[in-house]
Amino acid sequence: MHRARDTARELAWLFKGVMGENAYQTYLDHYERSHAGGDPMTEREFWRDRTDRQDANPEGRCC
């Protein structure tokens, strides 16, 4: 039973990574390690910035 639950968690984590759902948490982890002082972007600001950057540089996407 535990193995099935662990496998399901790992698959969910993988799927979220592929879909980009964990991008904000990844950003927070990086910010905490790399930037001293200051506040990180809010989640809303992060997603707005990410969308704006993707729109300005569409060559990295397939669609």
C-alpha atoms as a PDB file:
ATOM      1  CA  MET A   1       0.000   0.000   0.000  1.00  0.00           C
ATOM      2  CA  HIS A   2       2.785   2.438   0.906  1.00  0.00           C
ATOM      3  CA  ARG A   3       4.621   1.657  -2.295  1.00  0.00           C
ATOM      4  CA  ALA A   4       1.574   2.485  -4.429  1.00  0.00           C
ATOM      5  CA  ARG A   5       1.072   5.765  -2.558  1.00  0.00           C
ATOM      6  CA  ASP A   6       4.757   6.670  -2.911  1.00  0.00           C
ATOM      7  CA  THR A   7       4.658   5.872  -6.621  1.00  0.00           C
ATOM      8  CA  ALA A   8       1.560   8.035  -7.054  1.00  0.00           C
ATOM      9  CA  ARG A   9       3.294  10.937  -5.264  1.00  0.00           C
ATOM     10  CA  GLU A  10       6.362  10.579  -7.460  1.00  0.00           C
ATOM     11  CA  LEU A  11       4.248  10.544 -10.610  1.00  0.00           C
ATOM     12  CA  ALA A  12       2.329  13.627  -9.447  1.00  0.00           C
ATOM     13  CA  TRP A  13       5.628  15.411  -8.709  1.00  0.00           C
ATOM     14  CA  LEU A  14       6.964  14.469 -12.151  1.00  0.00           C
ATOM     15  CA  PHE A  15       3.782  15.578 -13.915  1.00  0.00           C
ATOM     16  CA  LYS A  16       3.786  18.919 -12.100  1.00  0.00           C
ATOM     17  CA  GLY A  17       7.404  19.436 -13.105  1.00  0.00           C
ATOM     18  CA  VAL A  18       6.692  18.720 -16.749  1.00  0.00           C
ATOM     19  CA  MET A  19       3.651  21.005 -16.752  1.00  0.00           C
ATOM     20  CA  GLY A  20       5.488  23.778 -14.895  1.00  0.00           C
ATOM     21  CA  GLU A  21       3.165  23.805 -11.897  1.00  0.00           C
ATOM     22  CA  ASN A  22       6.066  23.746  -9.466  1.00  0.00           C
ATOM     23  CA  ALA A  23       7.851  26.678 -11.135  1.00  0.00           C
ATOM     24  CA  TYR A  24       6.984  29.144  -8.376  1.00  0.00           C
ATOM     25  CA  GLN A  25       8.277  26.839  -5.650  1.00  0.00           C
ATOM     26  CA  THR A  26      11.442  26.268  -7.677  1.00  0.00           C
ATOM     27  CA  TYR A  27      11.819  30.054  -7.984  1.00  0.00           C
ATOM     28  CA  LEU A  28      11.396  30.503  -4.215  1.00  0.00           C
ATOM     29  CA  ASP A  29      13.984  27.807  -3.498  1.00  0.00           C
ATOM     30  CA  HIS A  30      16.448  29.448  -5.905  1.00  0.00           C
ATOM     31  CA  TYR A  31      15.740  32.928  -4.526  1.00  0.00           C
ATOM     32  CA  GLU A  32      16.364  31.772  -0.975  1.00  0.00           C
ATOM     33  CA  ARG A  33      19.719  30.234  -1.940  1.00  0.00           C
ATOM     34  CA  SER A  34      20.938  32.984  -4.276  1.00  0.00           C
ATOM     35  CA  HIS A  35      19.620  36.333  -3.068  1.00  0.00           C
ATOM     36  CA  ALA A  36      20.409  37.941   0.243  1.00  0.00           C
ATOM     37  CA  GLY A  37      17.769  40.275   1.576  1.00  0.00           C
ATOM     38  CA  GLY A  38      14.761  41.620  -0.209  1.00  0.00           C
ATOM     39  CA  ASP A  39      11.477  39.935  -0.807  1.00  0.00           C
ATOM     40  CA  PRO A  40      10.818  37.503  -3.645  1.00  0.00           C
ATOM     41  CA  MET A  41       8.024  38.182  -6.100  1.00  0.00           C
ATOM     42  CA  THR A  42       4.554  37.200  -5.006  1.00  0.00           C
ATOM     43  CA  GLU A  43       3.098  34.200  -6.782  1.00  0.00           C
ATOM     44  CA  ARG A  44       0.913  36.497  -8.883  1.00  0.00           C
ATOM     45  CA  GLU A  45       3.910  38.659  -9.849  1.00  0.00           C
ATOM     46  CA  PHE A  46       5.950  35.555 -10.661  1.00  0.00           C
ATOM     47  CA  TRP A  47       3.372  34.116 -13.058  1.00  0.00           C
ATOM     48  CA  ARG A  48       2.834  37.521 -14.730  1.00  0.00           C
ATOM     49  CA  ASP A  49       6.598  37.920 -15.215  1.00  0.00           C
ATOM     50  CA  ARG A  50       6.942  34.373 -16.533  1.00  0.00           C
ATOM     51  CA  THR A  51       4.099  34.837 -19.008  1.00  0.00           C
ATOM     52  CA  ASP A  52       5.494  38.180 -20.180  1.00  0.00           C
ATOM     53  CA  ARG A  53       8.946  36.653 -20.721  1.00  0.00           C
ATOM     54  CA  GLN A  54       7.475  33.723 -22.661  1.00  0.00           C
ATOM     55  CA  ASP A  55       5.454  36.083 -24.852  1.00  0.00           C
ATOM     56  CA  ALA A  56       8.527  38.227 -25.533  1.00  0.00           C
ATOM     57  CA  ASN A  57      10.677  35.155 -26.348  1.00  0.00           C
ATOM     58  CA  PRO A  58       8.417  32.560 -28.009  1.00  0.00           C
ATOM     59  CA  GLU A  59      11.256  30.540 -29.567  1.00  0.00           C
ATOM     60  CA  GLY A  60      11.480  28.339 -26.483  1.00  0.00           C
ATOM     61  CA  ARG A  61       7.952  26.966 -26.897  1.00  0.00           C
ATOM     62  CA  CYS A  62       6.381  24.622 -29.366  1.00  0.00           C
ATOM     63  CA  CYS A  63       3.023  26.418 -29.559  1.00  0.00           C
END
